PDB file of N, CA and C in Angstrom:
ATOM      1  N   UNK A   1      72.082 110.949 102.269  1.00  0.00           N
ATOM      2  CA  UNK A   1      73.465 110.701 102.555  1.00  0.00           C
ATOM      3  C   UNK A   1      74.390 111.479 101.640  1.00  0.00           C
ATOM      4  N   UNK A   2      73.840 111.896 100.535  1.00  0.00           N
ATOM      5  CA  UNK A   2      74.639 112.676  99.597  1.00  0.00           C
ATOM      6  C   UNK A   2      75.231 113.906 100.275  1.00  0.00           C
ATOM      7  N   UNK A   3      74.457 114.547 101.146  1.00  0.00           N
ATOM      8  CA  UNK A   3      74.932 115.763 101.809  1.00  0.00           C
ATOM      9  C   UNK A   3      76.162 115.478 102.663  1.00  0.00           C
ATOM     10  N   UNK A   4      76.138 114.366 103.410  1.00  0.00           N
ATOM     11  CA  UNK A   4      77.275 114.016 104.267  1.00  0.00           C
ATOM     12  C   UNK A   4      78.523 113.789 103.426  1.00  0.00           C
ATOM     13  N   UNK A   5      78.404 112.991 102.384  1.00  0.00           N
ATOM     14  CA  UNK A   5      79.554 112.674 101.528  1.00  0.00           C
ATOM     15  C   UNK A   5      80.068 113.941 100.857  1.00  0.00           C
ATOM     16  N   UNK A   6      79.176 114.728 100.286  1.00  0.00           N
ATOM     17  CA  UNK A   6      79.585 115.966  99.618  1.00  0.00           C
ATOM     18  C   UNK A   6      80.297 116.918 100.577  1.00  0.00           C
ATOM     19  N   UNK A   7      79.840 116.954 101.823  1.00  0.00           N
ATOM     20  CA  UNK A   7      80.458 117.840 102.817  1.00  0.00           C
ATOM     21  C   UNK A   7      81.884 117.420 103.150  1.00  0.00           C
ATOM     22  N   UNK A   8      82.203 116.144 102.984  1.00  0.00           N
ATOM     23  CA  UNK A   8      83.542 115.646 103.298  1.00  0.00           C
ATOM     24  C   UNK A   8      84.522 115.844 102.153  1.00  0.00           C
ATOM     25  N   UNK A   9      84.008 115.735 100.933  1.00  0.00           N
ATOM     26  CA  UNK A   9      84.858 115.818  99.735  1.00  0.00           C
ATOM     27  C   UNK A   9      85.027 117.289  99.360  1.00  0.00           C
ATOM     28  N   UNK A  10      86.235 117.794  99.532  1.00  0.00           N
ATOM     29  CA  UNK A  10      86.502 119.199  99.257  1.00  0.00           C
ATOM     30  C   UNK A  10      87.825 119.339  98.527  1.00  0.00           C
ATOM     31  N   UNK A  11      87.902 120.367  97.722  1.00  0.00           N
ATOM     32  CA  UNK A  11      89.168 120.677  97.079  1.00  0.00           C
ATOM     33  C   UNK A  11      90.184 120.998  98.167  1.00  0.00           C
ATOM     34  N   UNK A  12      91.394 120.530  98.000  1.00  0.00           N
ATOM     35  CA  UNK A  12      92.437 120.799  98.983  1.00  0.00           C
ATOM     36  C   UNK A  12      92.487 119.804 100.119  1.00  0.00           C
ATOM     37  N   UNK A  13      91.744 118.695  99.998  1.00  0.00           N
ATOM     38  CA  UNK A  13      91.665 117.720 101.082  1.00  0.00           C
ATOM     39  C   UNK A  13      91.711 116.303 100.518  1.00  0.00           C
ATOM     40  N   UNK A  14      92.355 115.405 101.243  1.00  0.00           N
ATOM     41  CA  UNK A  14      92.328 113.984 100.923  1.00  0.00           C
ATOM     42  C   UNK A  14      91.359 113.302 101.869  1.00  0.00           C
ATOM     43  N   UNK A  15      90.498 112.431 101.334  1.00  0.00           N
ATOM     44  CA  UNK A  15      89.489 111.751 102.139  1.00  0.00           C
ATOM     45  C   UNK A  15      89.439 110.282 101.741  1.00  0.00           C
ATOM     46  N   UNK A  16      89.369 109.426 102.766  1.00  0.00           N
ATOM     47  CA  UNK A  16      89.220 108.000 102.526  1.00  0.00           C
ATOM     48  C   UNK A  16      87.994 107.512 103.292  1.00  0.00           C
ATOM     49  N   UNK A  17      87.005 107.011 102.566  1.00  0.00           N
ATOM     50  CA  UNK A  17      85.867 106.352 103.187  1.00  0.00           C
ATOM     51  C   UNK A  17      86.280 104.895 103.347  1.00  0.00           C
ATOM     52  N   UNK A  18      86.229 104.391 104.590  1.00  0.00           N
ATOM     53  CA  UNK A  18      86.818 103.083 104.848  1.00  0.00           C
ATOM     54  C   UNK A  18      86.092 102.308 105.936  1.00  0.00           C
ATOM     55  N   UNK A  19      86.542 101.070 106.094  1.00  0.00           N
ATOM     56  CA  UNK A  19      86.151 100.203 107.203  1.00  0.00           C
ATOM     57  C   UNK A  19      87.471  99.686 107.782  1.00  0.00           C
ATOM     58  N   UNK A  20      87.637  99.720 109.102  1.00  0.00           N
ATOM     59  CA  UNK A  20      88.946  99.432 109.701  1.00  0.00           C
ATOM     60  C   UNK A  20      89.473  98.009 109.498  1.00  0.00           C
ATOM     61  N   UNK A  21      88.614  97.038 109.243  1.00  0.00           N
ATOM     62  CA  UNK A  21      89.091  95.663 109.075  1.00  0.00           C
ATOM     63  C   UNK A  21      89.322  95.272 107.621  1.00  0.00           C
ATOM     64  N   UNK A  22      89.031  96.160 106.700  1.00  0.00           N
ATOM     65  CA  UNK A  22      89.181  95.898 105.267  1.00  0.00           C
ATOM     66  C   UNK A  22      90.670  95.988 104.881  1.00  0.00           C
ATOM     67  N   UNK A  23      91.191  94.948 104.269  1.00  0.00           N
ATOM     68  CA  UNK A  23      92.615  94.925 103.925  1.00  0.00           C
ATOM     69  C   UNK A  23      92.978  96.009 102.897  1.00  0.00           C
ATOM     70  N   UNK A  24      92.089  96.307 101.967  1.00  0.00           N
ATOM     71  CA  UNK A  24      92.373  97.361 100.983  1.00  0.00           C
ATOM     72  C   UNK A  24      92.321  98.746 101.626  1.00  0.00           C
ATOM     73  N   UNK A  25      91.470  98.897 102.635  1.00  0.00           N
ATOM     74  CA  UNK A  25      91.426 100.156 103.387  1.00  0.00           C
ATOM     75  C   UNK A  25      92.726 100.358 104.152  1.00  0.00           C
ATOM     76  N   UNK A  26      93.221  99.292 104.737  1.00  0.00           N
ATOM     77  CA  UNK A  26      94.494  99.336 105.463  1.00  0.00           C
ATOM     78  C   UNK A  26      95.622  99.687 104.502  1.00  0.00           C
ATOM     79  N   UNK A  27      95.598  99.107 103.309  1.00  0.00           N
ATOM     80  CA  UNK A  27      96.599  99.409 102.292  1.00  0.00           C
ATOM     81  C   UNK A  27      96.571 100.892 101.924  1.00  0.00           C
ATOM     82  N   UNK A  28      95.387 101.425 101.659  1.00  0.00           N
ATOM     83  CA  UNK A  28      95.269 102.847 101.306  1.00  0.00           C
ATOM     84  C   UNK A  28      95.772 103.723 102.442  1.00  0.00           C
ATOM     85  N   UNK A  29      95.381 103.392 103.660  1.00  0.00           N
ATOM     86  CA  UNK A  29      95.815 104.157 104.835  1.00  0.00           C
ATOM     87  C   UNK A  29      97.332 104.123 104.970  1.00  0.00           C
ATOM     88  N   UNK A  30      97.932 102.941 104.796  1.00  0.00           N
ATOM     89  CA  UNK A  30      99.387 102.805 104.914  1.00  0.00           C
ATOM     90  C   UNK A  30     100.116 103.620 103.851  1.00  0.00           C
ATOM     91  N   UNK A  31      99.627 103.583 102.625  1.00  0.00           N
ATOM     92  CA  UNK A  31     100.257 104.357 101.548  1.00  0.00           C
ATOM     93  C   UNK A  31     100.175 105.851 101.856  1.00  0.00           C
ATOM     94  N   UNK A  32      98.996 106.317 102.234  1.00  0.00           N
ATOM     95  CA  UNK A  32      98.798 107.747 102.482  1.00  0.00           C
ATOM     96  C   UNK A  32      99.485 108.226 103.758  1.00  0.00           C
ATOM     97  N   UNK A  33      99.733 107.316 104.699  1.00  0.00           N
ATOM     98  CA  UNK A  33     100.340 107.716 105.982  1.00  0.00           C
ATOM     99  C   UNK A  33     101.788 108.180 105.838  1.00  0.00           C
ATOM    100  N   UNK A  34     102.419 107.893 104.727  1.00  0.00           N
ATOM    101  CA  UNK A  34     103.810 108.333 104.559  1.00  0.00           C
ATOM    102  C   UNK A  34     103.920 109.786 104.100  1.00  0.00           C
ATOM    103  N   UNK A  35     102.784 110.390 103.757  1.00  0.00           N
ATOM    104  CA  UNK A  35     102.769 111.788 103.333  1.00  0.00           C
ATOM    105  C   UNK A  35     102.448 112.684 104.520  1.00  0.00           C
ATOM    106  N   UNK A  36     103.028 113.877 104.513  1.00  0.00           N
ATOM    107  CA  UNK A  36     102.788 114.838 105.592  1.00  0.00           C
ATOM    108  C   UNK A  36     101.727 115.828 105.140  1.00  0.00           C
ATOM    109  N   UNK A  37     100.516 115.596 105.631  1.00  0.00           N
ATOM    110  CA  UNK A  37      99.390 116.455 105.280  1.00  0.00           C
ATOM    111  C   UNK A  37      99.337 117.652 106.216  1.00  0.00           C
ATOM    112  N   UNK A  38      98.884 118.774 105.693  1.00  0.00           N
ATOM    113  CA  UNK A  38      98.605 119.933 106.533  1.00  0.00           C
ATOM    114  C   UNK A  38      97.472 119.549 107.483  1.00  0.00           C
ATOM    115  N   UNK A  39      97.447 120.161 108.643  1.00  0.00           N
ATOM    116  CA  UNK A  39      96.380 119.895 109.610  1.00  0.00           C
ATOM    117  C   UNK A  39      95.016 120.148 108.964  1.00  0.00           C
ATOM    118  N   UNK A  40      94.127 119.183 109.130  1.00  0.00           N
ATOM    119  CA  UNK A  40      92.776 119.325 108.600  1.00  0.00           C
ATOM    120  C   UNK A  40      92.617 119.038 107.124  1.00  0.00           C
ATOM    121  N   UNK A  41      93.683 118.574 106.472  1.00  0.00           N
ATOM    122  CA  UNK A  41      93.626 118.343 105.027  1.00  0.00           C
ATOM    123  C   UNK A  41      93.620 116.867 104.640  1.00  0.00           C
ATOM    124  N   UNK A  42      93.427 115.988 105.628  1.00  0.00           N
ATOM    125  CA  UNK A  42      93.313 114.559 105.348  1.00  0.00           C
ATOM    126  C   UNK A  42      92.384 113.947 106.380  1.00  0.00           C
ATOM    127  N   UNK A  43      91.492 113.078 105.910  1.00  0.00           N
ATOM    128  CA  UNK A  43      90.554 112.464 106.837  1.00  0.00           C
ATOM    129  C   UNK A  43      90.241 111.031 106.434  1.00  0.00           C
ATOM    130  N   UNK A  44      90.304 110.151 107.428  1.00  0.00           N
ATOM    131  CA  UNK A  44      89.826 108.779 107.277  1.00  0.00           C
ATOM    132  C   UNK A  44      88.436 108.750 107.883  1.00  0.00           C
ATOM    133  N   UNK A  45      87.452 108.326 107.116  1.00  0.00           N
ATOM    134  CA  UNK A  45      86.081 108.279 107.605  1.00  0.00           C
ATOM    135  C   UNK A  45      85.639 106.827 107.691  1.00  0.00           C
ATOM    136  N   UNK A  46      85.551 106.330 108.919  1.00  0.00           N
ATOM    137  CA  UNK A  46      85.123 104.958 109.182  1.00  0.00           C
ATOM    138  C   UNK A  46      83.603 104.911 109.084  1.00  0.00           C
ATOM    139  N   UNK A  47      83.109 104.224 108.078  1.00  0.00           N
ATOM    140  CA  UNK A  47      81.664 104.156 107.898  1.00  0.00           C
ATOM    141  C   UNK A  47      81.061 102.909 108.534  1.00  0.00           C
ATOM    142  N   UNK A  48      81.881 102.013 109.068  1.00  0.00           N
ATOM    143  CA  UNK A  48      81.400 100.713 109.530  1.00  0.00           C
ATOM    144  C   UNK A  48      80.417 100.783 110.700  1.00  0.00           C
ATOM    145  N   UNK A  49      80.528 101.766 111.548  1.00  0.00           N
ATOM    146  CA  UNK A  49      79.651 101.854 112.721  1.00  0.00           C
ATOM    147  C   UNK A  49      78.478 102.812 112.505  1.00  0.00           C
ATOM    148  N   UNK A  50      78.378 103.358 111.326  1.00  0.00           N
ATOM    149  CA  UNK A  50      77.318 104.333 111.053  1.00  0.00           C
ATOM    150  C   UNK A  50      76.017 103.627 110.661  1.00  0.00           C
ATOM    151  N   UNK A  51      74.919 104.098 111.177  1.00  0.00           N
ATOM    152  CA  UNK A  51      73.617 103.532 110.837  1.00  0.00           C
ATOM    153  C   UNK A  51      73.297 103.724 109.355  1.00  0.00           C
ATOM    154  N   UNK A  52      73.883 104.738 108.741  1.00  0.00           N
ATOM    155  CA  UNK A  52      73.621 105.037 107.334  1.00  0.00           C
ATOM    156  C   UNK A  52      74.722 104.507 106.398  1.00  0.00           C
ATOM    157  N   UNK A  53      75.476 103.512 106.856  1.00  0.00           N
ATOM    158  CA  UNK A  53      76.574 102.961 106.066  1.00  0.00           C
ATOM    159  C   UNK A  53      76.111 102.526 104.675  1.00  0.00           C
ATOM    160  N   UNK A  54      75.013 101.809 104.585  1.00  0.00           N
ATOM    161  CA  UNK A  54      74.518 101.341 103.292  1.00  0.00           C
ATOM    162  C   UNK A  54      74.185 102.488 102.356  1.00  0.00           C
ATOM    163  N   UNK A  55      73.581 103.532 102.897  1.00  0.00           N
ATOM    164  CA  UNK A  55      73.247 104.705 102.080  1.00  0.00           C
ATOM    165  C   UNK A  55      74.503 105.416 101.588  1.00  0.00           C
ATOM    166  N   UNK A  56      75.498 105.482 102.440  1.00  0.00           N
ATOM    167  CA  UNK A  56      76.773 106.089 102.042  1.00  0.00           C
ATOM    168  C   UNK A  56      77.377 105.298 100.890  1.00  0.00           C
ATOM    169  N   UNK A  57      77.408 103.974 101.036  1.00  0.00           N
ATOM    170  CA  UNK A  57      77.985 103.147  99.979  1.00  0.00           C
ATOM    171  C   UNK A  57      77.163 103.239  98.691  1.00  0.00           C
ATOM    172  N   UNK A  58      75.846 103.331  98.817  1.00  0.00           N
ATOM    173  CA  UNK A  58      75.005 103.495  97.621  1.00  0.00           C
ATOM    174  C   UNK A  58      75.348 104.797  96.904  1.00  0.00           C
ATOM    175  N   UNK A  59      75.527 105.866  97.667  1.00  0.00           N
ATOM    176  CA  UNK A  59      75.862 107.151  97.055  1.00  0.00           C
ATOM    177  C   UNK A  59      77.267 107.121  96.450  1.00  0.00           C
ATOM    178  N   UNK A  60      78.201 106.500  97.141  1.00  0.00           N
ATOM    179  CA  UNK A  60      79.556 106.378  96.589  1.00  0.00           C
ATOM    180  C   UNK A  60      79.515 105.629  95.262  1.00  0.00           C
ATOM    181  N   UNK A  61      78.659 104.626  95.172  1.00  0.00           N
ATOM    182  CA  UNK A  61      78.528 103.901  93.910  1.00  0.00           C
ATOM    183  C   UNK A  61      77.994 104.819  92.811  1.00  0.00           C
ATOM    184  N   UNK A  62      77.041 105.657  93.150  1.00  0.00           N
ATOM    185  CA  UNK A  62      76.486 106.586  92.158  1.00  0.00           C
ATOM    186  C   UNK A  62      77.547 107.533  91.610  1.00  0.00           C
ATOM    187  N   UNK A  63      78.413 108.029  92.493  1.00  0.00           N
ATOM    188  CA  UNK A  63      79.367 109.051  92.038  1.00  0.00           C
ATOM    189  C   UNK A  63      80.711 108.498  91.590  1.00  0.00           C
ATOM    190  N   UNK A  64      81.037 107.237  91.987  1.00  0.00           N
ATOM    191  CA  UNK A  64      82.349 106.690  91.622  1.00  0.00           C
ATOM    192  C   UNK A  64      82.272 105.423  90.774  1.00  0.00           C
ATOM    193  N   UNK A  65      81.105 104.796  90.735  1.00  0.00           N
ATOM    194  CA  UNK A  65      80.970 103.554  89.984  1.00  0.00           C
ATOM    195  C   UNK A  65      81.275 102.317  90.805  1.00  0.00           C
ATOM    196  N   UNK A  66      81.669 102.490  92.078  1.00  0.00           N
ATOM    197  CA  UNK A  66      81.966 101.356  92.939  1.00  0.00           C
ATOM    198  C   UNK A  66      81.369 101.593  94.328  1.00  0.00           C
ATOM    199  N   UNK A  67      80.814 100.543  94.885  1.00  0.00           N
ATOM    200  CA  UNK A  67      80.191 100.617  96.205  1.00  0.00           C
ATOM    201  C   UNK A  67      81.175 100.203  97.300  1.00  0.00           C
ATOM    202  N   UNK A  68      82.226  99.550  96.903  1.00  0.00           N
ATOM    203  CA  UNK A  68      83.192  99.021  97.861  1.00  0.00           C
ATOM    204  C   UNK A  68      84.048 100.126  98.475  1.00  0.00           C
ATOM    205  N   UNK A  69      84.601  99.827  99.623  1.00  0.00           N
ATOM    206  CA  UNK A  69      85.573 100.720 100.255  1.00  0.00           C
ATOM    207  C   UNK A  69      86.928 100.042 100.181  1.00  0.00           C
ATOM    208  N   UNK A  70      87.987 100.829 100.202  1.00  0.00           N
ATOM    209  CA  UNK A  70      87.979 102.269 100.360  1.00  0.00           C
ATOM    210  C   UNK A  70      87.607 102.972  99.064  1.00  0.00           C
ATOM    211  N   UNK A  71      87.087 104.157  99.238  1.00  0.00           N
ATOM    212  CA  UNK A  71      86.905 105.116  98.148  1.00  0.00           C
ATOM    213  C   UNK A  71      87.776 106.292  98.544  1.00  0.00           C
ATOM    214  N   UNK A  72      88.805 106.529  97.749  1.00  0.00           N
ATOM    215  CA  UNK A  72      89.809 107.541  98.070  1.00  0.00           C
ATOM    216  C   UNK A  72      89.607 108.750  97.160  1.00  0.00           C
ATOM    217  N   UNK A  73      89.486 109.899  97.794  1.00  0.00           N
ATOM    218  CA  UNK A  73      89.305 111.156  97.063  1.00  0.00           C
ATOM    219  C   UNK A  73      90.511 112.045  97.289  1.00  0.00           C
ATOM    220  N   UNK A  74      91.031 112.573  96.205  1.00  0.00           N
ATOM    221  CA  UNK A  74      92.082 113.585  96.240  1.00  0.00           C
ATOM    222  C   UNK A  74      91.395 114.845  95.727  1.00  0.00           C
ATOM    223  N   UNK A  75      91.111 115.735  96.646  1.00  0.00           N
ATOM    224  CA  UNK A  75      90.254 116.855  96.296  1.00  0.00           C
ATOM    225  C   UNK A  75      88.873 116.317  96.001  1.00  0.00           C
ATOM    226  N   UNK A  76      88.278 116.746  94.935  1.00  0.00           N
ATOM    227  CA  UNK A  76      86.928 116.313  94.583  1.00  0.00           C
ATOM    228  C   UNK A  76      86.923 115.118  93.641  1.00  0.00           C
ATOM    229  N   UNK A  77      88.108 114.574  93.332  1.00  0.00           N
ATOM    230  CA  UNK A  77      88.221 113.460  92.392  1.00  0.00           C
ATOM    231  C   UNK A  77      88.468 112.149  93.114  1.00  0.00           C
ATOM    232  N   UNK A  78      87.670 111.137  92.779  1.00  0.00           N
ATOM    233  CA  UNK A  78      87.902 109.799  93.320  1.00  0.00           C
ATOM    234  C   UNK A  78      89.016 109.146  92.499  1.00  0.00           C
ATOM    235  N   UNK A  79      90.040 108.670  93.196  1.00  0.00           N
ATOM    236  CA  UNK A  79      91.147 108.007  92.508  1.00  0.00           C
ATOM    237  C   UNK A  79      91.032 106.491  92.619  1.00  0.00           C
ATOM    238  N   UNK A  80      89.996 106.001  93.274  1.00  0.00           N
ATOM    239  CA  UNK A  80      89.767 104.569  93.352  1.00  0.00           C
ATOM    240  C   UNK A  80      89.896 104.025  94.751  1.00  0.00           C
ATOM    241  N   UNK A  81      90.444 102.808  94.819  1.00  0.00           N
ATOM    242  CA  UNK A  81      90.582 102.104  96.081  1.00  0.00           C
ATOM    243  C   UNK A  81      92.030 101.908  96.481  1.00  0.00           C
ATOM    244  N   UNK A  82      92.261 100.936  97.335  1.00  0.00           N
ATOM    245  CA  UNK A  82      93.592 100.686  97.880  1.00  0.00           C
ATOM    246  C   UNK A  82      94.642 100.367  96.831  1.00  0.00           C
ATOM    247  N   UNK A  83      94.326  99.469  95.923  1.00  0.00           N
ATOM    248  CA  UNK A  83      95.281  99.097  94.875  1.00  0.00           C
ATOM    249  C   UNK A  83      95.576 100.267  93.948  1.00  0.00           C
ATOM    250  N   UNK A  84      94.548 101.070  93.697  1.00  0.00           N
ATOM    251  CA  UNK A  84      94.726 102.240  92.830  1.00  0.00           C
ATOM    252  C   UNK A  84      95.675 103.249  93.471  1.00  0.00           C
ATOM    253  N   UNK A  85      95.481 103.489  94.763  1.00  0.00           N
ATOM    254  CA  UNK A  85      96.341 104.431  95.485  1.00  0.00           C
ATOM    255  C   UNK A  85      97.777 103.912  95.528  1.00  0.00           C
ATOM    256  N   UNK A  86      97.918 102.617  95.755  1.00  0.00           N
ATOM    257  CA  UNK A  86      99.249 102.019  95.774  1.00  0.00           C
ATOM    258  C   UNK A  86      99.935 102.179  94.415  1.00  0.00           C
ATOM    259  N   UNK A  87      99.190 101.951  93.337  1.00  0.00           N
ATOM    260  CA  UNK A  87      99.745 102.111  91.993  1.00  0.00           C
ATOM    261  C   UNK A  87     100.146 103.542  91.694  1.00  0.00           C
ATOM    262  N   UNK A  88      99.304 104.498  92.106  1.00  0.00           N
ATOM    263  CA  UNK A  88      99.642 105.911  91.914  1.00  0.00           C
ATOM    264  C   UNK A  88     100.895 106.287  92.697  1.00  0.00           C
ATOM    265  N   UNK A  89     101.025 105.727  93.886  1.00  0.00           N
ATOM    266  CA  UNK A  89     102.206 106.012  94.702  1.00  0.00           C
ATOM    267  C   UNK A  89     103.464 105.433  94.049  1.00  0.00           C
ATOM    268  N   UNK A  90     103.379 104.199  93.599  1.00  0.00           N
ATOM    269  CA  UNK A  90     104.539 103.556  92.954  1.00  0.00           C
ATOM    270  C   UNK A  90     104.983 104.299  91.702  1.00  0.00           C
ATOM    271  N   UNK A  91     104.023 104.831  90.969  1.00  0.00           N
ATOM    272  CA  UNK A  91     104.352 105.530  89.724  1.00  0.00           C
ATOM    273  C   UNK A  91     104.867 106.951  89.978  1.00  0.00           C
ATOM    274  N   UNK A  92     104.726 107.415  91.225  1.00  0.00           N
ATOM    275  CA  UNK A  92     105.153 108.770  91.557  1.00  0.00           C
ATOM    276  C   UNK A  92     104.090 109.826  91.311  1.00  0.00           C
ATOM    277  N   UNK A  93     102.924 109.417  90.831  1.00  0.00           N
ATOM    278  CA  UNK A  93     101.865 110.362  90.506  1.00  0.00           C
ATOM    279  C   UNK A  93     101.103 110.853  91.734  1.00  0.00           C
ATOM    280  N   UNK A  94     101.015 110.026  92.772  1.00  0.00           N
ATOM    281  CA  UNK A  94     100.213 110.385  93.940  1.00  0.00           C
ATOM    282  C   UNK A  94     100.732 111.646  94.618  1.00  0.00           C
ATOM    283  N   UNK A  95     102.021 111.728  94.821  1.00  0.00           N
ATOM    284  CA  UNK A  95     102.582 112.912  95.476  1.00  0.00           C
ATOM    285  C   UNK A  95     102.259 114.171  94.679  1.00  0.00           C
ATOM    286  N   UNK A  96     102.376 114.104  93.373  1.00  0.00           N
ATOM    287  CA  UNK A  96     102.057 115.252  92.530  1.00  0.00           C
ATOM    288  C   UNK A  96     100.590 115.651  92.628  1.00  0.00           C
ATOM    289  N   UNK A  97      99.720 114.659  92.711  1.00  0.00           N
ATOM    290  CA  UNK A  97      98.290 114.939  92.846  1.00  0.00           C
ATOM    291  C   UNK A  97      98.003 115.627  94.180  1.00  0.00           C
ATOM    292  N   UNK A  98      98.643 115.145  95.235  1.00  0.00           N
ATOM    293  CA  UNK A  98      98.450 115.734  96.565  1.00  0.00           C
ATOM    294  C   UNK A  98      99.016 117.151  96.621  1.00  0.00           C
ATOM    295  N   UNK A  99     100.159 117.348  95.987  1.00  0.00           N
ATOM    296  CA  UNK A  99     100.748 118.692  95.951  1.00  0.00           C
ATOM    297  C   UNK A  99      99.888 119.657  95.147  1.00  0.00           C
ATOM    298  N   UNK A 100      99.303 119.151  94.070  1.00  0.00           N
ATOM    299  CA  UNK A 100      98.488 119.980  93.178  1.00  0.00           C
ATOM    300  C   UNK A 100      97.267 120.569  93.888  1.00  0.00           C
ATOM    301  N   UNK A 101      96.723 119.833  94.866  1.00  0.00           N
ATOM    302  CA  UNK A 101      95.555 120.361  95.578  1.00  0.00           C
ATOM    303  C   UNK A 101      95.963 121.108  96.858  1.00  0.00           C
ATOM    304  N   UNK A 102      97.263 121.151  97.134  1.00  0.00           N
ATOM    305  CA  UNK A 102      97.762 121.954  98.249  1.00  0.00           C
ATOM    306  C   UNK A 102      97.528 121.387  99.623  1.00  0.00           C
ATOM    307  N   UNK A 103      97.447 120.064  99.738  1.00  0.00           N
ATOM    308  CA  UNK A 103      97.166 119.488 101.058  1.00  0.00           C
ATOM    309  C   UNK A 103      98.406 119.001 101.808  1.00  0.00           C
ATOM    310  N   UNK A 104      99.564 119.064 101.173  1.00  0.00           N
ATOM    311  CA  UNK A 104     100.791 118.605 101.825  1.00  0.00           C
ATOM    312  C   UNK A 104     101.538 119.765 102.467  1.00  0.00           C
ATOM    313  N   UNK A 105     102.259 119.440 103.526  1.00  0.00           N
ATOM    314  CA  UNK A 105     103.092 120.453 104.211  1.00  0.00           C
ATOM    315  C   UNK A 105     104.281 120.820 103.349  1.00  0.00           C
TER     316      UNK A 105
END
């Protein structure tokens, strides 16, 4: 599963590994939805229907320290989950991070 996750996480892209019914995933999605991403530079990856969901979460735990979703990546760096993204947005840091990797219009 490492290959799948690594293929999604790229410099210049925002990625959220999520489950659609998770309240923290919804929070992360709502926060990020107010930004205008360039086409192809933001992706929500619903892992809930995947047969390899457990393996994905195991690998996310290895590389981020947490198995829970959402796992939000700004470029190749994991910034945490829903509350973390909300905090970065409130502090004004999130926009700068997104601009720094060149994913915003």
